[in-house]
Protein backbone atom coordinates (compact mmCIF):
# COMPACT_ATOMS: atom_id res chain seq x y z
CA MET A 1 -21.77 17.00 52.22
CA LYS A 2 -18.94 16.52 49.72
CA VAL A 3 -18.72 13.47 47.43
CA PHE A 4 -15.98 12.56 44.95
CA VAL A 5 -17.01 10.35 42.00
CA SER A 6 -14.28 8.55 40.06
CA LEU A 7 -15.19 7.09 36.68
CA GLY A 8 -13.50 6.32 33.39
CA GLU A 9 -16.33 5.41 31.00
CA ARG A 10 -19.01 7.46 29.27
CA SER A 11 -21.61 4.80 30.06
CA ALA A 12 -20.93 5.13 33.80
CA SER A 13 -21.10 8.90 33.40
CA ASN A 14 -24.59 8.56 31.93
CA TYR A 15 -25.75 6.52 34.94
CA VAL A 16 -24.19 8.96 37.43
CA TYR A 17 -25.73 11.95 35.63
CA ASN A 18 -29.24 10.50 35.81
CA ILE A 19 -28.91 9.37 39.42
CA PHE A 20 -27.44 12.62 40.78
CA LYS A 21 -29.08 15.29 38.60
CA ASP A 22 -32.07 15.70 40.95
CA ILE A 23 -30.16 15.39 44.22
CA LYS A 24 -29.73 18.65 46.13
CA GLY A 25 -27.45 19.60 49.00
CA ILE A 26 -24.38 17.60 47.94
CA ASP A 27 -21.17 19.15 46.57
CA LEU A 28 -20.02 16.85 43.78
CA TYR A 29 -16.43 16.49 42.58
CA GLY A 30 -14.86 14.03 40.19
CA ILE A 31 -13.69 12.87 36.81
CA THR A 32 -16.24 14.44 34.52
CA ASP A 33 -17.63 15.31 31.13
CA GLU A 34 -19.84 18.17 29.90
CA ARG A 35 -23.08 16.65 31.23
CA LEU A 36 -21.74 16.05 34.73
CA GLU A 37 -20.38 19.58 34.85
CA SER A 38 -23.82 20.88 33.78
CA ILE A 39 -25.34 19.52 37.02
CA GLY A 40 -22.65 21.04 39.22
CA PHE A 41 -19.78 18.53 39.26
CA LYS A 42 -16.43 20.22 39.87
CA SER A 43 -13.89 18.63 37.52
CA VAL A 44 -10.51 17.24 38.52
CA ALA A 45 -9.99 15.45 35.18
CA ARG A 46 -11.91 14.48 32.05
CA ILE A 47 -13.17 10.99 31.18
CA GLU A 48 -11.59 11.10 27.73
CA ASP A 49 -8.15 11.37 29.36
CA LEU A 50 -8.60 7.87 30.84
CA SER A 51 -10.56 5.99 28.15
CA VAL A 52 -8.22 3.33 26.77
CA VAL A 53 -8.47 -0.45 26.43
CA GLY A 54 -5.75 -3.08 26.57
CA LEU A 55 -2.21 -3.46 27.79
CA ILE A 56 -0.42 -1.89 24.83
CA GLU A 57 -2.90 0.97 24.40
CA ALA A 58 -2.68 2.00 28.07
CA LEU A 59 1.09 2.46 28.32
CA PRO A 60 1.30 6.11 27.18
CA LYS A 61 -1.20 7.12 29.89
CA VAL A 62 0.81 5.80 32.86
CA PRO A 63 2.60 9.03 33.96
CA TYR A 64 -0.63 11.04 33.73
CA VAL A 65 -2.54 8.44 35.75
CA TYR A 66 0.02 8.49 38.58
CA ARG A 67 -0.24 12.28 38.81
CA LEU A 68 -4.03 12.08 38.87
CA TRP A 69 -4.07 9.45 41.65
CA LYS A 70 -1.91 11.73 43.77
CA ARG A 71 -4.11 14.74 43.07
CA ILE A 72 -7.29 12.89 44.07
CA GLU A 73 -5.61 11.41 47.15
CA GLU A 74 -4.85 14.95 48.36
CA LEU A 75 -8.54 15.89 48.03
CA LEU A 76 -9.98 12.88 49.84
CA PRO A 77 -9.66 14.11 53.46
CA GLU A 78 -12.11 16.91 52.52
CA MET A 79 -14.68 14.39 51.21
CA ASP A 80 -17.48 12.62 53.06
CA ALA A 81 -17.58 9.79 50.53
CA LEU A 82 -15.70 8.39 47.54
CA VAL A 83 -17.79 6.71 44.84
CA LEU A 84 -15.81 4.51 42.44
CA CYS A 85 -17.53 3.49 39.19
CA ASP A 86 -16.18 0.38 37.44
CA ALA A 87 -12.85 1.26 35.66
CA PRO A 88 -10.83 -1.15 37.85
CA ALA A 89 -7.43 -0.40 36.31
CA PHE A 90 -7.75 3.15 37.57
CA ASN A 91 -10.11 2.78 40.53
CA LEU A 92 -8.66 -0.19 42.42
CA PRO A 93 -5.27 1.48 43.00
CA LEU A 94 -7.20 4.62 43.98
CA LEU A 95 -9.30 2.53 46.39
CA LYS A 96 -6.14 1.27 48.12
CA ARG A 97 -4.84 4.83 48.44
CA ALA A 98 -8.21 6.05 49.77
CA LYS A 99 -8.64 3.64 52.69
CA GLY A 100 -8.50 5.62 55.92
CA LYS A 101 -8.54 8.98 54.15
CA VAL A 102 -12.30 9.27 53.50
CA LYS A 103 -15.28 8.43 55.72
CA LYS A 104 -17.23 6.23 53.32
CA LEU A 105 -16.14 4.07 50.36
CA ILE A 106 -18.78 3.08 47.79
CA TYR A 107 -18.14 1.03 44.65
CA PHE A 108 -20.85 1.45 42.00
CA ILE A 109 -20.76 -1.06 39.11
CA SER A 110 -18.52 -3.97 40.00
CA PRO A 111 -15.58 -4.73 37.72
CA GLN A 112 -16.18 -7.96 35.82
CA VAL A 113 -14.32 -10.02 38.42
CA TRP A 114 -16.47 -13.06 37.58
CA ALA A 115 -14.86 -13.05 34.12
CA TRP A 116 -11.22 -12.50 35.03
CA LYS A 117 -8.92 -11.24 37.80
CA GLU A 118 -11.13 -12.60 40.58
CA GLY A 119 -8.54 -11.43 43.09
CA ARG A 120 -9.96 -7.95 42.61
CA ALA A 121 -13.17 -9.11 44.30
CA LYS A 122 -11.22 -9.83 47.49
CA VAL A 123 -9.68 -6.34 47.40
CA ILE A 124 -13.10 -4.74 46.95
CA SER A 125 -14.67 -6.77 49.76
CA GLU A 126 -11.86 -5.88 52.16
CA LEU A 127 -11.78 -2.13 51.46
CA VAL A 128 -15.28 -1.07 50.37
CA ASP A 129 -18.21 -0.32 52.68
CA HIS A 130 -20.96 -0.64 50.04
CA LEU A 131 -20.88 -2.34 46.64
CA ILE A 132 -23.77 -1.47 44.31
CA VAL A 133 -23.95 -4.01 41.47
CA ILE A 134 -26.05 -3.73 38.31
CA LEU A 135 -26.06 -7.38 37.20
CA PRO A 136 -28.28 -9.77 39.20
CA PHE A 137 -25.85 -12.71 39.35
CA GLU A 138 -23.17 -10.54 41.00
CA VAL A 139 -24.97 -10.62 44.37
CA GLU A 140 -24.54 -14.40 44.53
CA PHE A 141 -20.94 -14.16 43.29
CA TYR A 142 -19.89 -11.82 46.11
CA LYS A 143 -21.37 -14.04 48.84
CA ARG A 144 -18.08 -15.94 48.94
CA TYR A 145 -16.42 -12.66 50.00
CA ALA A 146 -18.91 -11.76 52.73
CA ARG A 147 -17.54 -9.94 55.77
CA GLU A 148 -18.91 -7.67 58.47
CA GLY A 149 -19.12 -4.09 57.21
CA PHE A 150 -19.22 -5.04 53.51
CA ARG A 151 -22.69 -4.82 51.97
CA VAL A 152 -23.72 -5.72 48.41
CA HIS A 153 -26.83 -4.19 46.84
CA PHE A 154 -28.77 -4.88 43.62
CA VAL A 155 -31.84 -2.76 42.85
CA GLY A 156 -31.82 -2.98 39.04
CA HIS A 157 -29.88 -1.94 35.95
CA PRO A 158 -30.04 1.74 34.92
CA LEU A 159 -30.29 0.87 31.23
CA VAL A 160 -33.78 -0.56 31.70
CA ASP A 161 -34.87 3.06 32.26
CA LEU A 162 -32.30 4.95 30.21
CA ALA A 163 -32.08 3.02 26.94
CA LYS A 164 -34.97 4.57 25.03
CA PRO A 165 -35.21 6.71 21.90
CA THR A 166 -35.84 10.45 22.07
CA MET A 167 -37.19 10.61 18.49
CA GLY A 168 -40.07 8.88 16.73
CA GLU A 169 -39.66 6.09 14.19
CA GLU A 170 -40.97 8.15 11.28
CA GLU A 171 -38.52 10.99 11.96
CA VAL A 172 -35.50 8.68 12.20
CA LYS A 173 -36.44 6.82 9.01
CA ARG A 174 -36.88 10.15 7.24
CA LEU A 175 -33.30 11.02 8.20
CA ALA A 176 -32.20 7.60 6.98
CA GLY A 177 -34.02 8.16 3.69
CA SER A 178 -35.38 4.63 3.83
CA GLU A 179 -37.85 2.37 5.66
CA ARG A 180 -35.00 -0.05 6.33
CA TYR A 181 -31.51 0.78 7.51
CA MET A 182 -28.68 -0.85 9.44
CA ALA A 183 -27.03 0.76 12.48
CA LEU A 184 -23.25 0.47 12.84
CA LEU A 185 -21.55 1.15 16.18
CA PRO A 186 -17.74 0.91 15.97
CA GLY A 187 -17.12 1.78 19.64
CA SER A 188 -16.99 4.72 22.03
CA ARG A 189 -13.22 5.08 22.49
CA TRP A 190 -10.72 6.46 20.00
CA SER A 191 -8.65 3.27 20.26
CA GLU A 192 -11.75 1.24 19.27
CA ILE A 193 -12.67 3.57 16.42
CA LYS A 194 -9.17 3.30 14.92
CA ARG A 195 -9.30 -0.50 14.99
CA HIS A 196 -12.92 -1.06 14.04
CA VAL A 197 -13.58 1.37 11.20
CA PRO A 198 -11.07 -0.33 8.82
CA TYR A 199 -12.44 -3.71 9.96
CA LEU A 200 -16.02 -2.63 9.23
CA ARG A 201 -14.95 -1.39 5.83
CA SER A 202 -13.75 -4.91 5.01
CA VAL A 203 -17.04 -6.36 6.30
CA LEU A 204 -19.05 -3.95 4.13
CA GLU A 205 -16.96 -4.73 1.04
CA CYS A 206 -18.12 -8.33 1.48
CA LEU A 207 -21.67 -7.49 2.54
CA ARG A 208 -22.50 -4.90 -0.16
CA PRO A 209 -25.53 -3.63 1.81
CA ASN A 210 -28.64 -2.53 -0.09
CA MET A 211 -29.82 -0.16 2.65
CA PRO A 212 -28.47 2.99 4.34
CA LEU A 213 -25.89 2.57 7.10
CA LEU A 214 -26.41 4.91 10.06
CA VAL A 215 -23.47 5.44 12.43
CA PRO A 216 -23.85 7.16 15.81
CA THR A 217 -20.57 8.51 17.17
CA PHE A 218 -18.99 11.49 18.90
CA GLU A 219 -18.19 14.74 17.10
CA SER A 220 -14.43 14.21 17.51
CA PHE A 221 -14.65 10.88 15.61
CA LYS A 222 -17.05 11.98 12.87
CA ASP A 223 -14.54 12.91 10.15
CA TYR A 224 -12.51 9.73 10.67
CA VAL A 225 -15.62 7.53 10.44
CA GLN A 226 -16.89 9.29 7.31
CA GLU A 227 -13.52 9.07 5.59
CA GLY A 228 -12.99 5.45 6.65
CA LEU A 229 -16.36 4.31 5.28
CA LYS A 230 -16.37 6.50 2.16
CA GLY A 231 -18.03 4.86 -0.83
CA PHE A 232 -20.78 3.17 1.19
CA PRO A 233 -24.26 4.62 1.90
CA VAL A 234 -23.16 5.88 5.32
CA LYS A 235 -24.73 8.69 7.35
CA VAL A 236 -22.96 9.72 10.56
CA PHE A 237 -24.85 11.29 13.47
CA THR A 238 -23.42 12.88 16.63
CA PRO A 239 -25.00 14.49 19.70
CA ARG A 240 -24.89 17.78 17.77
CA ASP A 241 -27.34 16.31 15.27
CA MET A 242 -29.72 14.73 17.77
CA GLU A 243 -30.01 13.76 21.42
CA SER A 244 -28.92 10.17 22.18
CA PRO A 245 -28.03 9.24 18.57
CA SER A 246 -27.12 5.62 19.38
CA TYR A 247 -30.50 5.02 21.07
CA ASN A 248 -32.48 6.63 18.25
CA LEU A 249 -30.63 4.80 15.50
CA MET A 250 -30.64 1.36 17.15
CA ALA A 251 -34.29 1.58 18.25
CA TYR A 252 -35.70 1.49 14.71
CA ALA A 253 -32.90 -0.29 12.83
CA HIS A 254 -33.64 -3.36 10.75
CA PHE A 255 -30.44 -4.73 12.23
CA THR A 256 -27.49 -3.47 14.31
CA LEU A 257 -23.81 -4.39 14.01
CA LEU A 258 -21.84 -3.22 17.02
CA ALA A 259 -18.61 -3.40 18.97
CA SER A 260 -18.79 -5.26 22.28
CA GLY A 261 -19.40 -3.04 25.29
CA THR A 262 -22.26 -1.23 26.95
CA ALA A 263 -23.82 -0.63 23.52
CA GLU A 264 -24.56 -4.36 23.29
CA LEU A 265 -26.81 -4.31 26.35
CA GLU A 266 -28.32 -1.03 25.15
CA ALA A 267 -29.24 -2.67 21.84
CA SER A 268 -31.00 -5.46 23.74
CA MET A 269 -32.89 -2.98 25.92
CA LEU A 270 -34.01 -1.19 22.74
CA GLY A 271 -35.14 -4.47 21.16
CA SER A 272 -32.68 -4.18 18.27
CA PRO A 273 -31.49 -7.52 16.78
CA HIS A 274 -27.72 -7.40 16.61
CA VAL A 275 -24.37 -9.12 16.23
CA VAL A 276 -21.33 -8.28 18.37
CA PHE A 277 -17.76 -7.97 17.13
CA TYR A 278 -14.50 -6.82 18.71
CA ARG A 279 -10.87 -6.43 17.69
CA VAL A 280 -7.91 -5.78 19.97
CA ASN A 281 -4.15 -5.77 19.74
CA PRO A 282 -3.10 -9.44 19.16
CA ILE A 283 -0.98 -9.47 22.32
CA THR A 284 -3.91 -8.18 24.38
CA TYR A 285 -6.16 -10.82 22.83
CA LEU A 286 -3.82 -13.73 23.58
CA TRP A 287 -3.37 -12.53 27.14
CA GLY A 288 -7.14 -12.23 27.56
CA ARG A 289 -7.72 -15.76 26.24
CA LEU A 290 -5.51 -17.10 29.02
CA LEU A 291 -7.27 -15.16 31.78
CA VAL A 292 -10.95 -14.85 30.89
CA LYS A 293 -13.16 -17.45 32.60
CA VAL A 294 -16.59 -16.87 31.02
CA ASN A 295 -18.10 -18.38 27.89
CA TYR A 296 -19.58 -15.17 26.51
CA VAL A 297 -18.54 -11.57 25.92
CA ALA A 298 -22.00 -10.07 25.32
CA LEU A 299 -23.79 -9.20 28.56
CA THR A 300 -27.08 -10.35 27.06
CA ASN A 301 -25.64 -13.86 26.66
CA LEU A 302 -24.01 -13.83 30.10
CA ILE A 303 -27.22 -12.87 31.88
CA LEU A 304 -29.46 -15.28 29.94
CA GLN A 305 -26.75 -17.99 30.05
CA ARG A 306 -26.96 -18.90 26.35
CA GLU A 307 -25.96 -17.40 23.02
CA VAL A 308 -28.85 -15.16 22.06
CA VAL A 309 -26.54 -12.66 20.34
CA PRO A 310 -23.85 -14.02 17.95
CA GLU A 311 -20.31 -13.05 18.99
CA PHE A 312 -17.41 -12.45 16.59
CA ILE A 313 -14.34 -11.66 18.66
CA GLN A 314 -11.08 -11.34 16.73
CA ARG A 315 -12.76 -13.08 13.76
CA SER A 316 -12.26 -12.32 10.07
CA PRO A 317 -14.42 -9.76 8.24
CA GLU A 318 -15.61 -12.54 5.91
CA GLU A 319 -16.93 -14.68 8.80
CA LEU A 320 -18.83 -11.73 10.24
CA CYS A 321 -20.19 -10.82 6.80
CA ILE A 322 -21.67 -14.31 6.30
CA LYS A 323 -23.45 -14.18 9.67
CA VAL A 324 -24.86 -10.69 9.09
CA LYS A 325 -26.18 -11.73 5.66
CA SER A 326 -28.04 -14.69 7.18
CA LEU A 327 -29.58 -12.57 9.95
CA LEU A 328 -30.66 -9.85 7.53
CA GLU A 329 -32.62 -12.50 5.62
CA ASP A 330 -34.10 -14.38 8.62
CA GLU A 331 -37.04 -12.49 10.16
CA LYS A 332 -37.93 -15.43 12.46
CA LEU A 333 -34.49 -15.36 14.05
CA ARG A 334 -34.62 -11.59 14.52
CA GLU A 335 -38.05 -11.89 16.16
CA SER A 336 -36.76 -14.66 18.45
CA MET A 337 -34.00 -12.30 19.59
CA ARG A 338 -36.57 -9.60 20.38
CA GLU A 339 -38.52 -12.03 22.58
CA ASP A 340 -35.35 -12.89 24.48
CA PHE A 341 -34.65 -9.19 24.99
CA LYS A 342 -38.02 -8.85 26.78
CA ARG A 343 -37.00 -11.62 29.19
CA LEU A 344 -33.69 -9.86 29.73
CA ARG A 345 -35.39 -6.63 30.85
CA GLU A 346 -37.23 -8.51 33.59
CA ALA A 347 -34.05 -10.27 34.71
CA LEU A 348 -32.44 -6.83 35.13
CA GLY A 349 -35.07 -5.67 37.60
CA GLY A 350 -37.66 -3.98 35.40
CA LYS A 351 -38.52 -0.29 35.25
CA GLY A 352 -37.74 2.20 38.02
CA ALA A 353 -34.05 1.34 38.47
CA ILE A 354 -32.86 4.98 38.43
CA GLU A 355 -35.27 5.98 41.21
CA ARG A 356 -34.28 2.94 43.26
CA LEU A 357 -30.58 3.68 42.76
CA ARG A 358 -31.05 7.34 43.73
CA ALA A 359 -32.86 6.31 46.92
CA LEU A 360 -30.14 3.77 47.72
CA PHE A 361 -27.32 6.30 47.25
CA LEU A 362 -29.08 8.82 49.51
CA GLN A 363 -29.65 6.14 52.15
CA ILE A 364 -25.98 5.12 52.08
CA LEU A 365 -24.58 8.66 51.98
CA TYR A 366 -26.66 9.91 54.89
CA GLU A 367 -26.56 6.84 57.13
CA PHE A 368 -24.35 7.05 60.21
């Protein structure tokens, strides 16, 4: 059996790696990174070539993306299944090209159609055989698009299993050089790093933290982060320094300050009190304000349907600084957040999600 997996985010790559690493007898192709290649994926392109956010930021990638669509389309008749993972800007056009060229179409991780561009849900329901969602409320959402031959599955969120530290608390705090430290996560894409590091510098100039600041990032961003936050008690860690640096650093942090994205839900799974921020190109932000239909950006807040985690989207460094100061001083509020995070884990299906997802994929791939 041959399966092509199309993804554009490192978080989706982590899920795919853990689901497929113990599956034998399937030839895997796709858009990859080092970890996927280590379990036998044959690479057609790299994730980092697709990782951009926003209208303005995406423009330089357009010619490359068109060439890649065509290349994948040529491979599809050889495949038994195409698995699309989130990344709707890339994967929905690919889905339209794939219909009729591959035996089975599976979408894993629904785009956030409940937040904006709901028309994408109709496209998915009309073209996909199986949709595997990882947020519980998405099953109900897709009922309005029910049709024969389109099946929606929820068996849990992978992060309930995957978001856990690989190091002990004592070891991490020894690296921090302190019993208390704050974790800073400026983002996982280069476009986010470039926007958020100068922003965080302004926040820190206001905050004047009296504890070490630990930043997990990728090796290619390390020098930029260190230079951008020079003068503050910052220590930067990459996967070369430790396995799963973001999990280890968030798990034992006194407090975490992070860019919106998968890291927000990871922080909740790790029980780390946190505040979310995000900055985008002003044009992208204004366009988003017109289109987005949900009240919250943080997945924790969306799932629990109330603001558990404070959100600072396109807000000034001074506003964020004031909020962080208050949370650093309020142990009761931080403990209240931790209790809500426990409820969130149960809402996401509890432990065993990876095994359930693996079993579901095998069932779908091998069914007639």
